[in-house]
Protein backbone atom coordinates (compact mmCIF):
# COMPACT_ATOMS: atom_id res chain seq x y z
CA UNK A 1 0.00 0.00 0.00
CA UNK A 2 1.16 3.51 -0.77
CA UNK A 3 0.61 6.42 1.65
CA UNK A 4 -2.88 7.95 1.32
CA UNK A 5 -3.47 10.94 -0.93
CA UNK A 6 -6.20 13.55 -0.58
CA UNK A 7 -9.11 13.41 -2.97
CA UNK A 8 -12.51 15.03 -3.48
CA UNK A 9 -15.69 13.15 -4.37
CA UNK A 10 -17.35 14.59 -7.47
CA UNK A 11 -20.05 11.90 -7.94
CA UNK A 12 -21.46 9.56 -5.34
CA UNK A 13 -21.97 5.93 -6.30
CA UNK A 14 -25.51 4.87 -7.18
CA UNK A 15 -26.36 2.35 -9.90
CA UNK A 16 -22.99 3.30 -11.41
CA UNK A 17 -19.59 3.90 -9.84
CA UNK A 18 -18.75 7.08 -7.96
CA UNK A 19 -16.04 9.46 -9.14
CA UNK A 20 -13.37 11.32 -7.26
CA UNK A 21 -10.49 13.58 -8.20
CA UNK A 22 -7.12 12.69 -6.70
CA UNK A 23 -3.76 14.04 -7.77
CA UNK A 24 -5.39 15.76 -10.76
CA UNK A 25 -6.98 12.57 -12.10
CA UNK A 26 -10.52 11.24 -12.03
CA UNK A 27 -10.89 7.78 -10.50
CA UNK A 28 -14.01 5.68 -10.24
CA UNK A 29 -14.92 3.86 -7.04
CA UNK A 30 -17.56 1.65 -5.46
CA UNK A 31 -18.47 1.43 -1.80
CA UNK A 32 -18.07 -2.30 -1.34
CA UNK A 33 -14.76 -3.17 0.26
CA UNK A 34 -13.41 0.36 -0.23
CA UNK A 35 -15.47 2.84 1.83
CA UNK A 36 -14.19 2.85 5.43
CA UNK A 37 -16.16 5.67 7.07
CA UNK A 38 -19.38 5.53 9.10
CA UNK A 39 -20.81 8.50 7.18
CA UNK A 40 -22.09 8.20 3.61
CA UNK A 41 -20.00 9.69 0.80
CA UNK A 42 -21.14 13.10 -0.44
CA UNK A 43 -20.27 15.38 -3.35
CA UNK A 44 -17.34 17.71 -2.51
CA UNK A 45 -16.37 15.53 0.47
CA UNK A 46 -12.62 15.42 1.13
CA UNK A 47 -11.28 11.88 1.49
CA UNK A 48 -8.03 10.07 2.11
CA UNK A 49 -7.43 7.71 -0.81
CA UNK A 50 -5.32 4.58 -0.36
CA UNK A 51 -4.03 2.76 -3.44
CA UNK A 52 -2.79 -0.80 -3.73
CA UNK A 53 0.49 -1.68 -5.45
CA UNK A 54 -1.30 -1.96 -8.82
CA UNK A 55 -2.66 1.60 -8.55
CA UNK A 56 -6.26 0.64 -7.77
CA UNK A 57 -8.20 2.29 -4.95
CA UNK A 58 -7.89 0.10 -1.87
CA UNK A 59 -9.58 2.37 0.68
CA UNK A 60 -11.46 5.64 1.07
CA UNK A 61 -11.88 7.44 4.38
CA UNK A 62 -13.82 10.66 4.89
CA UNK A 63 -11.87 13.60 6.32
CA UNK A 64 -13.49 15.63 9.06
CA UNK A 65 -14.84 18.80 7.35
CA UNK A 66 -13.40 21.05 10.08
CA UNK A 67 -9.96 19.49 9.63
CA UNK A 68 -10.17 19.88 5.84
CA UNK A 69 -11.19 23.55 6.23
CA UNK A 70 -8.25 24.24 8.56
CA UNK A 71 -5.84 22.75 6.02
CA UNK A 72 -7.01 24.95 3.14
């Protein structure tokens, strides 16, 4: 696993995959096996994105909105 990067959700998953922007690239994601937060994903939500060695998303964790605001 590589260290997590910051990303922003731009489409929540429904009948199709969700989308997020991380490191200037759009990546699709599903909730199953990847979403690791007790809150549901939301558009414009900041997340930590973990990738596996093959470059696929291995985990998504929501970032506390107050923490994200302090970091901007």
